[in-house]
Amino acid sequence: MQPSAILESALYVTDLHAAEAFYGGVLGLERIAKVEGRHVFFRCGAGVLLLFDASATRVPPPEGARLPVPPHGATGQGHLCFAATSDQIERWKGHLMQRGVAVEADFSWPGGGRSIYFRDPSGNSLEFAEPKIWNL
């Protein structure tokens, strides 16, 4: 057996309000769920991006919880890559720069395809890349 796709991806943030403003405002993702002080979730294409306050997700659910999700979390900076065409990457670069988001790297991969890297307010490394960097 083999999984067919990644349904959701999680990043851990230090400031949920800043993360919500960045992912919803700067990146334009649609917010689909929010629990103050714990998480904010966004739709991204066919998947979901989960943004958690890491300290809140380390707390076990109460006995008999309706949704008994086990504790989880991470510390430090994570990474997430969004798929984009070459033209979209160029537009994203301009969009990010206009909003004061520094583009840390912009390069073409030896096997083909371009990537740009930038950071969210919590320091997570984000990327826009052409899917062909993975021969997709």
N, C-alpha and C. Protein backbone atom coordinates (compact mmCIF):
# COMPACT_ATOMS: atom_id res chain seq x y z
N MET A 1 0.83 -1.19 0.00
CA MET A 1 0.00 0.00 0.00
C MET A 1 0.87 1.25 0.00
N GLN A 2 0.30 2.32 -0.53
CA GLN A 2 1.02 3.59 -0.61
C GLN A 2 0.01 4.74 -0.53
N PRO A 3 0.28 5.77 0.27
CA PRO A 3 -0.64 6.92 0.31
C PRO A 3 -0.78 7.55 -1.07
N SER A 4 -1.96 8.08 -1.36
CA SER A 4 -2.21 8.67 -2.68
C SER A 4 -1.88 10.16 -2.75
N ALA A 5 -1.84 10.83 -1.62
CA ALA A 5 -1.57 12.28 -1.62
C ALA A 5 -1.36 12.75 -0.19
N ILE A 6 -0.82 13.95 -0.05
CA ILE A 6 -0.73 14.59 1.26
C ILE A 6 -1.97 15.47 1.39
N LEU A 7 -2.78 15.20 2.39
CA LEU A 7 -4.02 15.92 2.60
C LEU A 7 -3.80 17.23 3.35
N GLU A 8 -2.94 17.18 4.35
CA GLU A 8 -2.69 18.38 5.14
C GLU A 8 -1.22 18.45 5.51
N SER A 9 -0.75 19.68 5.69
CA SER A 9 0.61 19.94 6.13
C SER A 9 0.52 20.92 7.29
N ALA A 10 1.42 20.77 8.26
CA ALA A 10 1.38 21.62 9.45
C ALA A 10 2.68 22.39 9.59
N LEU A 11 2.53 23.64 10.02
CA LEU A 11 3.64 24.46 10.45
C LEU A 11 3.31 24.95 11.84
N TYR A 12 4.33 25.21 12.62
CA TYR A 12 4.15 25.68 13.98
C TYR A 12 4.63 27.12 14.04
N VAL A 13 3.80 27.98 14.61
CA VAL A 13 4.06 29.42 14.58
C VAL A 13 4.14 29.97 16.00
N THR A 14 4.77 31.11 16.12
CA THR A 14 4.94 31.75 17.43
C THR A 14 3.88 32.80 17.69
N ASP A 15 3.20 33.27 16.65
CA ASP A 15 2.18 34.31 16.78
C ASP A 15 1.06 34.00 15.81
N LEU A 16 -0.05 33.46 16.32
CA LEU A 16 -1.16 33.06 15.44
C LEU A 16 -1.78 34.25 14.71
N HIS A 17 -1.88 35.39 15.36
CA HIS A 17 -2.46 36.56 14.70
C HIS A 17 -1.60 37.01 13.51
N ALA A 18 -0.30 37.07 13.71
CA ALA A 18 0.60 37.45 12.62
C ALA A 18 0.56 36.40 11.51
N ALA A 19 0.50 35.12 11.88
CA ALA A 19 0.43 34.05 10.88
C ALA A 19 -0.86 34.15 10.07
N GLU A 20 -1.96 34.39 10.75
CA GLU A 20 -3.25 34.51 10.05
C GLU A 20 -3.22 35.69 9.07
N ALA A 21 -2.67 36.81 9.50
CA ALA A 21 -2.57 37.98 8.62
C ALA A 21 -1.68 37.70 7.43
N PHE A 22 -0.58 36.99 7.64
CA PHE A 22 0.37 36.70 6.57
C PHE A 22 -0.22 35.70 5.56
N TYR A 23 -0.68 34.55 6.05
CA TYR A 23 -1.16 33.51 5.14
C TYR A 23 -2.50 33.89 4.48
N GLY A 24 -3.34 34.62 5.22
CA GLY A 24 -4.61 35.05 4.65
C GLY A 24 -4.47 36.31 3.81
N GLY A 25 -3.72 37.29 4.33
CA GLY A 25 -3.59 38.57 3.65
C GLY A 25 -2.54 38.60 2.56
N VAL A 26 -1.31 38.23 2.89
CA VAL A 26 -0.22 38.29 1.91
C VAL A 26 -0.33 37.16 0.89
N LEU A 27 -0.57 35.93 1.37
CA LEU A 27 -0.63 34.79 0.44
C LEU A 27 -2.04 34.53 -0.09
N GLY A 28 -3.05 35.17 0.48
CA GLY A 28 -4.39 35.06 -0.05
C GLY A 28 -5.09 33.74 0.16
N LEU A 29 -4.64 32.94 1.13
CA LEU A 29 -5.29 31.66 1.38
C LEU A 29 -6.61 31.86 2.12
N GLU A 30 -7.55 30.97 1.86
CA GLU A 30 -8.87 31.03 2.49
C GLU A 30 -8.84 30.35 3.86
N ARG A 31 -9.16 31.10 4.89
CA ARG A 31 -9.24 30.53 6.24
C ARG A 31 -10.48 29.65 6.33
N ILE A 32 -10.30 28.41 6.84
CA ILE A 32 -11.44 27.50 6.95
C ILE A 32 -11.75 27.12 8.39
N ALA A 33 -10.83 27.37 9.32
CA ALA A 33 -11.09 27.05 10.73
C ALA A 33 -10.14 27.85 11.60
N LYS A 34 -10.59 28.13 12.83
CA LYS A 34 -9.74 28.86 13.76
C LYS A 34 -10.21 28.56 15.17
N VAL A 35 -9.25 28.29 16.05
CA VAL A 35 -9.50 28.22 17.48
C VAL A 35 -8.50 29.17 18.11
N GLU A 36 -9.01 30.24 18.68
CA GLU A 36 -8.16 31.28 19.27
C GLU A 36 -7.14 30.66 20.22
N GLY A 37 -5.86 31.04 20.03
CA GLY A 37 -4.79 30.57 20.91
C GLY A 37 -4.28 29.18 20.60
N ARG A 38 -4.87 28.50 19.63
CA ARG A 38 -4.44 27.13 19.32
C ARG A 38 -4.06 26.93 17.86
N HIS A 39 -4.97 27.30 16.93
CA HIS A 39 -4.67 27.04 15.53
C HIS A 39 -5.50 27.92 14.59
N VAL A 40 -5.02 28.00 13.36
CA VAL A 40 -5.77 28.57 12.24
C VAL A 40 -5.44 27.70 11.03
N PHE A 41 -6.49 27.30 10.29
CA PHE A 41 -6.33 26.40 9.15
C PHE A 41 -6.75 27.12 7.87
N PHE A 42 -6.03 26.84 6.78
CA PHE A 42 -6.29 27.45 5.48
C PHE A 42 -6.42 26.39 4.40
N ARG A 43 -7.29 26.65 3.44
CA ARG A 43 -7.38 25.82 2.23
C ARG A 43 -6.27 26.26 1.30
N CYS A 44 -5.61 25.28 0.67
CA CYS A 44 -4.58 25.57 -0.33
C CYS A 44 -4.73 24.53 -1.43
N GLY A 45 -5.37 24.89 -2.51
CA GLY A 45 -5.64 23.93 -3.58
C GLY A 45 -6.50 22.81 -3.04
N ALA A 46 -6.07 21.58 -3.28
CA ALA A 46 -6.81 20.40 -2.81
C ALA A 46 -6.43 20.03 -1.38
N GLY A 47 -5.48 20.73 -0.79
CA GLY A 47 -5.01 20.40 0.55
C GLY A 47 -5.34 21.46 1.58
N VAL A 48 -4.89 21.22 2.78
CA VAL A 48 -5.12 22.13 3.89
C VAL A 48 -3.79 22.42 4.58
N LEU A 49 -3.57 23.69 4.90
CA LEU A 49 -2.40 24.11 5.65
C LEU A 49 -2.83 24.37 7.08
N LEU A 50 -2.25 23.64 8.01
CA LEU A 50 -2.56 23.78 9.43
C LEU A 50 -1.45 24.60 10.09
N LEU A 51 -1.83 25.68 10.76
CA LEU A 51 -0.87 26.50 11.49
C LEU A 51 -1.23 26.38 12.96
N PHE A 52 -0.30 25.88 13.75
CA PHE A 52 -0.52 25.63 15.17
C PHE A 52 0.41 26.46 16.03
N ASP A 53 -0.11 26.86 17.19
CA ASP A 53 0.74 27.33 18.27
C ASP A 53 1.29 26.05 18.89
N ALA A 54 2.58 25.81 18.76
CA ALA A 54 3.16 24.53 19.18
C ALA A 54 2.92 24.23 20.65
N SER A 55 2.97 25.23 21.50
CA SER A 55 2.78 24.96 22.92
C SER A 55 1.36 24.47 23.20
N ALA A 56 0.38 24.94 22.44
CA ALA A 56 -1.01 24.52 22.66
C ALA A 56 -1.26 23.09 22.18
N THR A 57 -0.52 22.64 21.18
CA THR A 57 -0.76 21.28 20.65
C THR A 57 -0.05 20.21 21.46
N ARG A 58 0.80 20.61 22.38
CA ARG A 58 1.49 19.63 23.22
C ARG A 58 0.63 19.18 24.41
N VAL A 59 -0.49 19.85 24.60
CA VAL A 59 -1.39 19.54 25.71
C VAL A 59 -2.31 18.40 25.29
N PRO A 60 -2.34 17.29 26.04
CA PRO A 60 -3.22 16.19 25.69
C PRO A 60 -4.69 16.61 25.75
N PRO A 61 -5.54 16.02 24.91
CA PRO A 61 -6.96 16.35 24.98
C PRO A 61 -7.56 15.85 26.29
N PRO A 62 -8.61 16.51 26.78
CA PRO A 62 -9.23 16.04 28.02
C PRO A 62 -9.87 14.67 27.81
N GLU A 63 -10.01 13.93 28.88
CA GLU A 63 -10.65 12.61 28.83
C GLU A 63 -12.04 12.75 28.21
N GLY A 64 -12.34 11.90 27.23
CA GLY A 64 -13.64 11.90 26.58
C GLY A 64 -13.83 13.01 25.56
N ALA A 65 -12.75 13.64 25.12
CA ALA A 65 -12.84 14.72 24.14
C ALA A 65 -13.52 14.24 22.86
N ARG A 66 -14.31 15.11 22.24
CA ARG A 66 -14.99 14.78 20.99
C ARG A 66 -13.98 14.48 19.88
N LEU A 67 -12.87 15.20 19.88
CA LEU A 67 -11.80 14.99 18.89
C LEU A 67 -10.51 14.71 19.65
N PRO A 68 -10.24 13.46 19.94
CA PRO A 68 -9.07 13.11 20.77
C PRO A 68 -7.75 13.07 20.00
N VAL A 69 -7.38 14.22 19.40
CA VAL A 69 -6.13 14.29 18.63
C VAL A 69 -4.96 14.21 19.61
N PRO A 70 -4.04 13.27 19.38
CA PRO A 70 -2.89 13.14 20.29
C PRO A 70 -2.02 14.39 20.27
N PRO A 71 -1.28 14.64 21.34
CA PRO A 71 -0.37 15.79 21.37
C PRO A 71 0.67 15.69 20.26
N HIS A 72 1.04 16.83 19.74
CA HIS A 72 2.09 16.90 18.70
C HIS A 72 2.65 18.31 18.72
N GLY A 73 3.67 18.51 17.94
CA GLY A 73 4.26 19.84 17.86
C GLY A 73 5.71 19.77 17.44
N ALA A 74 6.25 20.91 17.15
CA ALA A 74 7.64 21.00 16.74
C ALA A 74 8.17 22.35 17.20
N THR A 75 9.47 22.43 17.30
CA THR A 75 10.10 23.70 17.60
C THR A 75 11.07 24.01 16.48
N GLY A 76 11.36 25.26 16.33
CA GLY A 76 12.28 25.67 15.27
C GLY A 76 11.54 25.94 13.98
N GLN A 77 12.30 26.28 12.98
CA GLN A 77 11.74 26.69 11.70
C GLN A 77 11.46 25.48 10.82
N GLY A 78 10.25 25.46 10.27
CA GLY A 78 9.86 24.41 9.33
C GLY A 78 9.98 24.91 7.90
N HIS A 79 9.52 24.08 6.98
CA HIS A 79 9.59 24.43 5.56
C HIS A 79 8.34 23.93 4.86
N LEU A 80 7.87 24.72 3.91
CA LEU A 80 6.73 24.36 3.07
C LEU A 80 6.95 24.96 1.70
N CYS A 81 6.61 24.20 0.67
CA CYS A 81 6.78 24.66 -0.70
C CYS A 81 5.43 24.68 -1.40
N PHE A 82 5.11 25.81 -2.02
CA PHE A 82 3.90 25.95 -2.83
C PHE A 82 4.26 25.77 -4.30
N ALA A 83 3.42 25.07 -5.05
CA ALA A 83 3.64 24.88 -6.49
C ALA A 83 3.25 26.15 -7.24
N ALA A 84 4.04 26.50 -8.24
CA ALA A 84 3.75 27.67 -9.08
C ALA A 84 4.46 27.51 -10.42
N THR A 85 3.90 28.13 -11.44
CA THR A 85 4.55 28.17 -12.74
C THR A 85 5.66 29.23 -12.71
N SER A 86 6.47 29.25 -13.73
CA SER A 86 7.54 30.25 -13.83
C SER A 86 6.96 31.66 -13.81
N ASP A 87 5.91 31.89 -14.58
CA ASP A 87 5.27 33.21 -14.61
C ASP A 87 4.69 33.57 -13.25
N GLN A 88 4.05 32.61 -12.59
CA GLN A 88 3.50 32.87 -11.27
C GLN A 88 4.60 33.20 -10.26
N ILE A 89 5.72 32.50 -10.35
CA ILE A 89 6.83 32.78 -9.43
C ILE A 89 7.29 34.22 -9.59
N GLU A 90 7.38 34.68 -10.82
CA GLU A 90 7.80 36.07 -11.05
C GLU A 90 6.80 37.04 -10.44
N ARG A 91 5.51 36.76 -10.60
CA ARG A 91 4.48 37.63 -10.02
C ARG A 91 4.50 37.55 -8.49
N TRP A 92 4.69 36.35 -7.94
CA TRP A 92 4.78 36.20 -6.49
C TRP A 92 5.96 36.98 -5.93
N LYS A 93 7.07 36.94 -6.63
CA LYS A 93 8.26 37.66 -6.16
C LYS A 93 7.95 39.15 -6.04
N GLY A 94 7.33 39.73 -7.06
CA GLY A 94 6.97 41.14 -7.01
C GLY A 94 5.95 41.42 -5.92
N HIS A 95 4.97 40.56 -5.78
CA HIS A 95 3.93 40.70 -4.76
C HIS A 95 4.54 40.69 -3.35
N LEU A 96 5.41 39.74 -3.10
CA LEU A 96 6.05 39.64 -1.79
C LEU A 96 6.89 40.87 -1.50
N MET A 97 7.69 41.27 -2.47
CA MET A 97 8.57 42.42 -2.28
C MET A 97 7.75 43.70 -2.02
N GLN A 98 6.62 43.86 -2.72
CA GLN A 98 5.76 45.04 -2.51
C GLN A 98 5.21 45.08 -1.09
N ARG A 99 5.08 43.92 -0.46
CA ARG A 99 4.54 43.84 0.89
C ARG A 99 5.64 43.74 1.95
N GLY A 100 6.87 44.00 1.54
CA GLY A 100 7.98 44.04 2.48
C GLY A 100 8.49 42.68 2.91
N VAL A 101 8.15 41.63 2.15
CA VAL A 101 8.63 40.28 2.46
C VAL A 101 9.90 40.04 1.65
N ALA A 102 11.00 39.82 2.33
CA ALA A 102 12.29 39.62 1.66
C ALA A 102 12.33 38.26 0.97
N VAL A 103 12.79 38.24 -0.27
CA VAL A 103 13.05 36.99 -0.98
C VAL A 103 14.51 36.64 -0.73
N GLU A 104 14.71 35.52 0.00
CA GLU A 104 16.07 35.13 0.41
C GLU A 104 16.87 34.49 -0.69
N ALA A 105 16.19 33.79 -1.60
CA ALA A 105 16.90 33.11 -2.69
C ALA A 105 15.97 33.01 -3.89
N ASP A 106 16.56 33.08 -5.07
CA ASP A 106 15.85 32.96 -6.34
C ASP A 106 16.82 32.28 -7.28
N PHE A 107 16.53 31.05 -7.64
CA PHE A 107 17.47 30.33 -8.51
C PHE A 107 16.78 29.25 -9.32
N SER A 108 17.49 28.78 -10.32
CA SER A 108 17.03 27.66 -11.15
C SER A 108 17.77 26.42 -10.74
N TRP A 109 17.03 25.33 -10.63
CA TRP A 109 17.62 24.04 -10.25
C TRP A 109 18.36 23.42 -11.43
N PRO A 110 19.46 22.68 -11.19
CA PRO A 110 20.24 22.08 -12.27
C PRO A 110 19.40 21.19 -13.20
N GLY A 111 18.40 20.50 -12.65
CA GLY A 111 17.56 19.63 -13.47
C GLY A 111 16.38 20.34 -14.12
N GLY A 112 16.25 21.64 -13.87
CA GLY A 112 15.15 22.43 -14.42
C GLY A 112 14.19 22.88 -13.35
N GLY A 113 13.64 24.04 -13.56
CA GLY A 113 12.67 24.61 -12.63
C GLY A 113 13.29 25.67 -11.74
N ARG A 114 12.46 26.60 -11.34
CA ARG A 114 12.88 27.75 -10.54
C ARG A 114 12.23 27.71 -9.17
N SER A 115 12.91 28.26 -8.18
CA SER A 115 12.38 28.41 -6.82
C SER A 115 12.71 29.79 -6.29
N ILE A 116 11.79 30.30 -5.46
CA ILE A 116 12.10 31.46 -4.62
C ILE A 116 11.79 31.07 -3.19
N TYR A 117 12.59 31.58 -2.27
CA TYR A 117 12.45 31.29 -0.85
C TYR A 117 12.23 32.59 -0.08
N PHE A 118 11.37 32.51 0.94
CA PHE A 118 11.08 33.65 1.81
C PHE A 118 10.63 33.09 3.16
N ARG A 119 10.35 33.96 4.12
CA ARG A 119 9.98 33.50 5.47
C ARG A 119 8.65 34.09 5.91
N ASP A 120 7.95 33.32 6.74
CA ASP A 120 6.73 33.83 7.36
C ASP A 120 7.12 34.58 8.64
N PRO A 121 6.16 35.22 9.32
CA PRO A 121 6.51 35.98 10.52
C PRO A 121 7.14 35.16 11.65
N SER A 122 6.96 33.83 11.65
CA SER A 122 7.57 32.97 12.66
C SER A 122 8.92 32.43 12.25
N GLY A 123 9.39 32.79 11.05
CA GLY A 123 10.69 32.33 10.58
C GLY A 123 10.65 31.04 9.78
N ASN A 124 9.45 30.47 9.55
CA ASN A 124 9.37 29.27 8.72
C ASN A 124 9.81 29.59 7.30
N SER A 125 10.54 28.69 6.70
CA SER A 125 11.03 28.85 5.34
C SER A 125 9.93 28.43 4.36
N LEU A 126 9.55 29.36 3.49
CA LEU A 126 8.53 29.08 2.49
C LEU A 126 9.14 29.20 1.11
N GLU A 127 8.55 28.48 0.18
CA GLU A 127 9.10 28.42 -1.17
C GLU A 127 7.96 28.37 -2.17
N PHE A 128 8.15 29.03 -3.30
CA PHE A 128 7.34 28.81 -4.50
C PHE A 128 8.28 28.14 -5.48
N ALA A 129 7.84 27.03 -6.07
CA ALA A 129 8.70 26.30 -7.00
C ALA A 129 7.87 25.69 -8.12
N GLU A 130 8.52 25.55 -9.25
CA GLU A 130 7.89 24.83 -10.35
C GLU A 130 7.90 23.34 -10.01
N PRO A 131 6.78 22.66 -10.20
CA PRO A 131 6.73 21.22 -9.90
C PRO A 131 7.79 20.40 -10.63
N LYS A 132 8.29 20.91 -11.75
CA LYS A 132 9.28 20.12 -12.49
C LYS A 132 10.61 19.96 -11.74
N ILE A 133 10.80 20.68 -10.62
CA ILE A 133 12.02 20.43 -9.85
C ILE A 133 12.01 19.00 -9.33
N TRP A 134 10.82 18.38 -9.25
CA TRP A 134 10.68 16.99 -8.84
C TRP A 134 10.25 16.12 -10.02
N ASN A 135 10.46 16.63 -11.23
CA ASN A 135 10.07 15.93 -12.45
C ASN A 135 8.58 15.60 -12.46
N LEU A 136 7.76 16.54 -11.98
CA LEU A 136 6.31 16.37 -11.97
C LEU A 136 5.68 17.18 -13.08
